[in-house]
């Protein structure tokens, strides 16, 4: 069996290379208004980078089923080389395709890896989520009223409810939630896309974000869980199927729409590595900055075994077709 330290030591910087290459490729399309090209470029670069690694990887969280290629589809096998670490992979080559295409903040490339069975295989349906930072982990409940959770969060952070900022996706379905947060005295920050990066911001001090609430994609919930397990934060989520077909698929995967799933349920693995690289500027990560002969990227990478979070500033030089990366 691969040890915790060997898997993390071997792959932590490799995962950064994967998200860096996806972000660099996507950055050539940022601001051009074509979200499909942003996604295509990042996906192709991410697949190429994954296939260069010494892994035996299976995509368990991807962008669709096999017939939707060239996206990194659920069940796709990636990797090569001699050592072949057997791992499960959750990817989102571009979280926030629309914001990246528009040149708006918080577009990122993201990946999480774990030992086999270390990441839940979640269906692509909605999930009601509650994300809180480490001081509030284990102290909130998705089933509680919004006001109760905000009071506990404020106490955990030793702040007033009026000081709290809650990120919510800007959707009509969240109108009641938004009213509840504001009525409790907290502030709402509405975002167009990007609940993974918003959840990371909530788990890191100094970003000005204290929680994430509301419905988002279940696959993004699994990716978020991998990061929060490394950071010590918490996500709670409940699947929200909207059709009979979605309910049947959920049951077929052995999942219960009435159950509240925790961080440990969504990312049960002990050999977890998470990486994200900024495509456009945001609260936590800077976007790709291009200059004559190269580009600069800003990434965050973390491992559950080491409990170390690294922010990596890399300069990628391109001369005569060759690439050289310098990490600071």
Protein backbone atom coordinates (compact mmCIF):
# COMPACT_ATOMS: atom_id res chain seq x y z
CA UNK A 1 0.00 0.00 0.00
CA UNK A 2 1.27 3.48 -0.85
CA UNK A 3 2.10 5.42 2.30
CA UNK A 4 0.49 8.74 3.07
CA UNK A 5 3.77 10.60 2.86
CA UNK A 6 4.97 9.03 -0.40
CA UNK A 7 1.76 9.75 -2.30
CA UNK A 8 1.58 13.34 -1.10
CA UNK A 9 5.29 13.99 -1.55
CA UNK A 10 5.20 12.53 -5.06
CA UNK A 11 2.03 14.25 -6.26
CA UNK A 12 1.57 17.53 -4.39
CA UNK A 13 3.70 19.54 -6.83
CA UNK A 14 2.46 17.49 -9.76
CA UNK A 15 -1.11 18.57 -9.06
CA UNK A 16 0.06 22.18 -9.19
CA UNK A 17 1.52 21.58 -12.64
CA UNK A 18 -1.84 20.22 -13.76
CA UNK A 19 -3.84 23.26 -12.62
CA UNK A 20 -1.14 25.66 -13.82
CA UNK A 21 -1.26 24.24 -17.35
CA UNK A 22 -5.06 24.39 -17.40
CA UNK A 23 -5.04 28.00 -16.18
CA UNK A 24 -2.39 29.05 -18.69
CA UNK A 25 -4.36 27.54 -21.56
CA UNK A 26 -7.65 29.07 -20.40
CA UNK A 27 -6.05 32.48 -19.94
CA UNK A 28 -5.58 32.87 -23.69
CA UNK A 29 -9.38 32.98 -23.98
CA UNK A 30 -10.27 35.11 -20.95
CA UNK A 31 -12.20 38.23 -21.80
CA UNK A 32 -13.07 36.99 -25.30
CA UNK A 33 -16.62 36.05 -24.38
CA UNK A 34 -16.50 32.38 -25.45
CA UNK A 35 -16.91 30.14 -22.40
CA UNK A 36 -16.77 26.98 -24.52
CA UNK A 37 -13.30 27.83 -25.82
CA UNK A 38 -12.14 28.71 -22.31
CA UNK A 39 -13.30 25.30 -21.10
CA UNK A 40 -12.00 23.40 -24.12
CA UNK A 41 -8.51 24.88 -23.86
CA UNK A 42 -8.26 24.20 -20.12
CA UNK A 43 -9.62 20.66 -20.44
CA UNK A 44 -7.19 19.69 -23.18
CA UNK A 45 -4.25 21.10 -21.22
CA UNK A 46 -5.38 19.38 -18.01
CA UNK A 47 -5.81 16.02 -19.74
CA UNK A 48 -2.35 16.29 -21.30
CA UNK A 49 -0.78 17.15 -17.95
CA UNK A 50 -2.56 14.28 -16.18
CA UNK A 51 -1.49 11.79 -18.82
CA UNK A 52 2.14 12.78 -18.23
CA UNK A 53 1.98 11.78 -14.54
CA UNK A 54 3.06 8.47 -12.98
CA UNK A 55 -0.49 7.67 -11.90
CA UNK A 56 -3.26 5.22 -12.63
CA UNK A 57 -6.06 7.72 -12.30
CA UNK A 58 -9.82 7.51 -12.66
CA UNK A 59 -11.94 10.63 -13.00
CA UNK A 60 -14.81 10.30 -10.50
CA UNK A 61 -15.89 13.95 -10.65
CA UNK A 62 -15.68 15.41 -14.14
CA UNK A 63 -17.64 17.40 -16.68
CA UNK A 64 -20.06 14.81 -18.00
CA UNK A 65 -20.33 11.30 -19.32
CA UNK A 66 -18.15 9.56 -21.87
CA UNK A 67 -20.15 10.66 -24.92
CA UNK A 68 -19.54 14.30 -23.99
CA UNK A 69 -15.78 14.18 -24.77
CA UNK A 70 -13.47 16.10 -25.20
CA UNK A 71 -14.44 17.02 -21.64
CA UNK A 72 -12.74 15.07 -18.84
CA UNK A 73 -15.62 12.66 -18.40
CA UNK A 74 -16.64 10.56 -15.41
CA UNK A 75 -14.87 7.22 -15.59
CA UNK A 76 -12.05 8.43 -17.86
CA UNK A 77 -8.67 6.80 -17.19
CA UNK A 78 -5.64 9.09 -17.14
CA UNK A 79 -1.95 8.80 -16.36
CA UNK A 80 1.11 6.90 -17.42
CA UNK A 81 4.65 6.06 -16.39
CA UNK A 82 6.14 3.33 -14.26
CA UNK A 83 5.02 3.87 -10.63
CA UNK A 84 1.35 4.38 -11.34
CA UNK A 85 -0.16 5.60 -8.08
CA UNK A 86 -3.77 4.31 -8.11
CA UNK A 87 -5.90 7.38 -7.41
CA UNK A 88 -9.36 8.88 -7.87
CA UNK A 89 -9.55 12.36 -9.35
CA UNK A 90 -12.07 15.20 -9.12
CA UNK A 91 -11.56 17.97 -11.67
CA UNK A 92 -13.02 21.23 -12.83
CA UNK A 93 -10.70 22.56 -15.55
CA UNK A 94 -12.45 25.94 -15.27
CA UNK A 95 -14.64 26.72 -12.32
CA UNK A 96 -16.44 29.78 -13.57
CA UNK A 97 -16.37 29.45 -17.36
CA UNK A 98 -18.69 32.42 -17.77
CA UNK A 99 -16.73 34.72 -15.45
CA UNK A 100 -13.45 33.69 -17.10
CA UNK A 101 -14.88 34.32 -20.57
CA UNK A 102 -16.01 37.76 -19.42
CA UNK A 103 -12.73 38.50 -17.63
CA UNK A 104 -14.53 38.74 -14.30
CA UNK A 105 -13.01 37.70 -10.93
CA UNK A 106 -12.54 34.25 -9.44
CA UNK A 107 -12.11 31.97 -12.44
CA UNK A 108 -9.89 29.05 -11.38
CA UNK A 109 -8.59 25.66 -12.53
CA UNK A 110 -9.01 23.06 -9.78
CA UNK A 111 -8.24 19.41 -9.02
CA UNK A 112 -8.46 17.08 -6.04
CA UNK A 113 -6.92 13.60 -5.83
CA UNK A 114 -7.24 10.79 -3.32
CA UNK A 115 -6.60 7.11 -2.89
CA UNK A 116 -9.20 4.83 -4.52
CA UNK A 117 -12.56 5.39 -2.86
CA UNK A 118 -11.33 8.58 -1.23
CA UNK A 119 -13.78 10.88 -3.07
CA UNK A 120 -17.55 10.41 -3.30
CA UNK A 121 -18.86 9.74 -6.80
CA UNK A 122 -21.61 12.36 -6.71
CA UNK A 123 -24.22 12.82 -9.44
CA UNK A 124 -24.35 16.09 -11.36
CA UNK A 125 -27.37 17.51 -9.55
CA UNK A 126 -27.93 20.32 -7.07
CA UNK A 127 -26.75 20.18 -3.48
CA UNK A 128 -27.82 22.48 -0.66
CA UNK A 129 -24.58 23.49 1.07
CA UNK A 130 -23.31 25.12 4.21
CA UNK A 131 -19.59 25.95 4.39
CA UNK A 132 -17.90 27.37 7.48
CA UNK A 133 -14.27 28.01 8.57
CA UNK A 134 -12.33 25.83 11.06
CA UNK A 135 -13.47 27.61 14.27
CA UNK A 136 -17.10 26.77 13.47
CA UNK A 137 -16.53 23.20 12.25
CA UNK A 138 -18.75 20.76 14.12
CA UNK A 139 -20.82 23.55 15.63
CA UNK A 140 -23.34 24.32 12.86
CA UNK A 141 -26.13 22.29 11.27
CA UNK A 142 -27.53 22.53 7.76
CA UNK A 143 -30.99 21.76 9.19
CA UNK A 144 -30.92 24.75 11.52
CA UNK A 145 -32.44 28.12 10.64
CA UNK A 146 -30.06 30.59 8.98
CA UNK A 147 -30.11 32.90 12.00
CA UNK A 148 -29.06 30.09 14.36
CA UNK A 149 -26.09 29.12 12.19
CA UNK A 150 -25.00 32.73 11.84
CA UNK A 151 -25.13 33.22 15.61
CA UNK A 152 -22.97 30.14 16.17
CA UNK A 153 -20.57 31.26 13.43
CA UNK A 154 -20.24 34.72 14.97
CA UNK A 155 -19.56 33.23 18.40
CA UNK A 156 -16.97 30.85 16.92
CA UNK A 157 -15.15 33.73 15.22
CA UNK A 158 -15.59 36.04 18.23
CA UNK A 159 -17.31 38.59 16.06
CA UNK A 160 -20.77 40.14 15.77
CA UNK A 161 -23.25 38.74 13.26
CA UNK A 162 -23.21 42.18 11.62
CA UNK A 163 -19.52 41.63 10.78
CA UNK A 164 -20.18 38.41 8.83
CA UNK A 165 -20.16 38.12 5.04
CA UNK A 166 -21.99 35.17 3.49
CA UNK A 167 -21.41 34.21 -0.14
CA UNK A 168 -24.50 33.11 -2.08
CA UNK A 169 -24.86 32.30 -5.78
CA UNK A 170 -26.95 35.01 -7.45
CA UNK A 171 -30.01 32.92 -8.39
CA UNK A 172 -33.77 33.40 -8.02
CA UNK A 173 -33.97 30.22 -5.95
CA UNK A 174 -31.95 31.96 -3.22
CA UNK A 175 -34.26 34.94 -2.70
CA UNK A 176 -35.61 33.62 0.62
CA UNK A 177 -32.12 32.63 1.80
CA UNK A 178 -30.73 36.07 1.00
CA UNK A 179 -33.56 37.75 2.90
CA UNK A 180 -32.93 35.47 5.91
CA UNK A 181 -29.20 36.27 6.01
CA UNK A 182 -29.85 40.00 5.81
CA UNK A 183 -32.65 39.86 8.36
CA UNK A 184 -30.26 38.16 10.78
CA UNK A 185 -27.92 41.15 10.38
CA UNK A 186 -25.18 39.65 8.21
CA UNK A 187 -24.14 40.84 4.76
CA UNK A 188 -24.55 38.93 1.51
CA UNK A 189 -21.98 38.76 -1.25
CA UNK A 190 -23.61 37.58 -4.47
CA UNK A 191 -21.50 35.73 -7.03
CA UNK A 192 -22.31 34.58 -10.56
CA UNK A 193 -20.26 31.38 -10.35
CA UNK A 194 -17.51 29.80 -8.26
CA UNK A 195 -18.64 28.24 -5.01
CA UNK A 196 -15.42 26.19 -4.72
CA UNK A 197 -13.17 29.25 -4.59
CA UNK A 198 -15.72 31.01 -2.38
CA UNK A 199 -15.59 28.06 0.03
CA UNK A 200 -11.80 28.21 0.10
CA UNK A 201 -12.00 31.92 0.87
CA UNK A 202 -14.39 31.18 3.75
CA UNK A 203 -11.92 28.69 5.24
CA UNK A 204 -8.91 31.04 5.05
CA UNK A 205 -8.62 33.98 7.44
CA UNK A 206 -8.30 37.48 6.04
CA UNK A 207 -10.36 37.11 2.86
CA UNK A 208 -13.43 38.91 4.17
CA UNK A 209 -15.65 35.85 3.52
CA UNK A 210 -17.01 33.88 6.48
CA UNK A 211 -19.49 31.33 5.08
CA UNK A 212 -21.08 29.96 1.92
CA UNK A 213 -24.75 29.03 1.80
CA UNK A 214 -27.25 27.81 -0.79
CA UNK A 215 -27.67 25.45 -3.70
CA UNK A 216 -24.78 24.63 -5.99
CA UNK A 217 -23.47 21.67 -7.94
CA UNK A 218 -22.94 18.42 -6.04
CA UNK A 219 -19.65 17.64 -7.87
CA UNK A 220 -18.29 21.00 -6.73
CA UNK A 221 -19.34 20.01 -3.21
CA UNK A 222 -17.03 16.97 -3.36
CA UNK A 223 -14.10 19.08 -4.59
CA UNK A 224 -14.80 21.61 -1.83
CA UNK A 225 -14.88 18.83 0.76
CA UNK A 226 -11.39 17.68 -0.25
CA UNK A 227 -10.00 21.18 0.29
CA UNK A 228 -11.87 21.79 3.54
CA UNK A 229 -10.68 18.48 4.97
CA UNK A 230 -7.13 19.69 4.40
CA UNK A 231 -7.91 23.11 5.89
CA UNK A 232 -9.96 21.95 8.87
CA UNK A 233 -13.11 23.72 7.71
CA UNK A 234 -16.48 22.08 7.17
CA UNK A 235 -19.03 21.54 4.43
CA UNK A 236 -22.44 20.02 5.00
CA UNK A 237 -24.61 19.16 2.02
CA UNK A 238 -27.89 17.55 1.05
CA UNK A 239 -28.66 16.37 -2.47
CA UNK A 240 -31.56 18.22 -4.07
CA UNK A 241 -32.91 16.12 -6.99
CA UNK A 242 -35.48 17.95 -9.11
CA UNK A 243 -36.80 15.13 -11.29
CA UNK A 244 -37.79 11.48 -10.92
CA UNK A 245 -34.81 10.56 -13.08
CA UNK A 246 -32.42 12.38 -10.75
CA UNK A 247 -33.97 10.68 -7.72
CA UNK A 248 -33.60 7.28 -9.35
CA UNK A 249 -29.97 7.97 -10.21
CA UNK A 250 -29.30 9.10 -6.66
CA UNK A 251 -30.80 5.90 -5.23
CA UNK A 252 -28.90 3.82 -7.77
CA UNK A 253 -25.65 5.29 -6.43
CA UNK A 254 -26.62 4.36 -2.87
CA UNK A 255 -27.21 7.96 -1.82
CA UNK A 256 -30.09 9.38 0.23
CA UNK A 257 -31.71 12.72 -0.56
CA UNK A 258 -32.82 13.08 3.07
CA UNK A 259 -29.33 12.68 4.55
CA UNK A 260 -27.02 15.57 5.38
CA UNK A 261 -23.55 14.59 4.18
CA UNK A 262 -20.48 15.91 5.98
CA UNK A 263 -16.95 16.71 4.88
CA UNK A 264 -15.85 13.20 5.86
CA UNK A 265 -18.70 11.65 3.86
CA UNK A 266 -17.92 13.60 0.70
CA UNK A 267 -14.14 13.17 0.95
CA UNK A 268 -13.49 10.10 3.12
CA UNK A 269 -9.90 9.63 1.91
CA UNK A 270 -6.83 10.11 4.08
CA UNK A 271 -4.47 10.62 1.13
CA UNK A 272 -5.87 13.88 -0.21
CA UNK A 273 -4.19 16.55 -2.31
CA UNK A 274 -5.95 19.68 -3.59
CA UNK A 275 -4.70 22.33 -5.98
CA UNK A 276 -6.21 25.44 -7.56
CA UNK A 277 -4.65 28.01 -9.89
CA UNK A 278 -6.15 31.41 -10.61
CA UNK A 279 -7.26 32.17 -14.15
CA UNK A 280 -8.67 35.59 -13.33
CA UNK A 281 -7.98 37.69 -10.22
CA UNK A 282 -9.91 36.97 -7.03
CA UNK A 283 -9.84 37.39 -3.26
CA UNK A 284 -7.64 34.34 -2.72
CA UNK A 285 -5.69 33.87 -5.96
CA UNK A 286 -4.32 36.18 -8.62
CA UNK A 287 -5.08 35.40 -12.23
CA UNK A 288 -2.62 34.54 -14.97
CA UNK A 289 -0.41 37.49 -15.84
CA UNK A 290 1.18 37.30 -19.27
CA UNK A 291 4.32 39.14 -20.34
CA UNK A 292 6.66 38.99 -23.31
CA UNK A 293 8.14 35.50 -23.37
CA UNK A 294 6.04 33.94 -20.62
CA UNK A 295 3.41 34.17 -17.91
CA UNK A 296 3.02 34.18 -14.14
CA UNK A 297 0.58 32.02 -12.17
CA UNK A 298 -0.62 31.97 -8.58
CA UNK A 299 -1.76 28.70 -6.99
CA UNK A 300 -2.74 27.15 -3.68
CA UNK A 301 -1.95 23.50 -2.95
CA UNK A 302 -2.54 21.49 0.20
CA UNK A 303 -2.36 17.95 1.52
CA UNK A 304 -4.36 16.28 4.26
CA UNK A 305 -1.46 14.20 5.59
CA UNK A 306 0.96 17.08 5.97
CA UNK A 307 -1.61 19.72 6.99
CA UNK A 308 0.49 22.21 5.05
CA UNK A 309 -1.05 24.87 2.78
CA UNK A 310 1.29 26.32 0.17
CA UNK A 311 0.70 29.41 -1.96
CA UNK A 312 2.90 29.10 -5.04
CA UNK A 313 3.91 31.94 -7.34
CA UNK A 314 5.33 30.53 -10.60
CA UNK A 315 6.97 32.17 -13.59
CA UNK A 316 6.65 30.20 -16.85
CA UNK A 317 9.22 31.15 -19.49
CA UNK A 318 8.63 30.24 -23.11
CA UNK A 319 11.58 30.58 -25.43
CA UNK A 320 11.94 28.93 -28.84
CA UNK A 321 9.17 26.46 -28.07
CA UNK A 322 10.70 25.34 -24.77
CA UNK A 323 9.05 25.90 -21.39
CA UNK A 324 10.83 26.60 -18.12
CA UNK A 325 8.95 27.06 -14.86
CA UNK A 326 10.41 28.91 -11.88
CA UNK A 327 8.49 28.59 -8.60
CA UNK A 328 8.90 31.16 -5.87
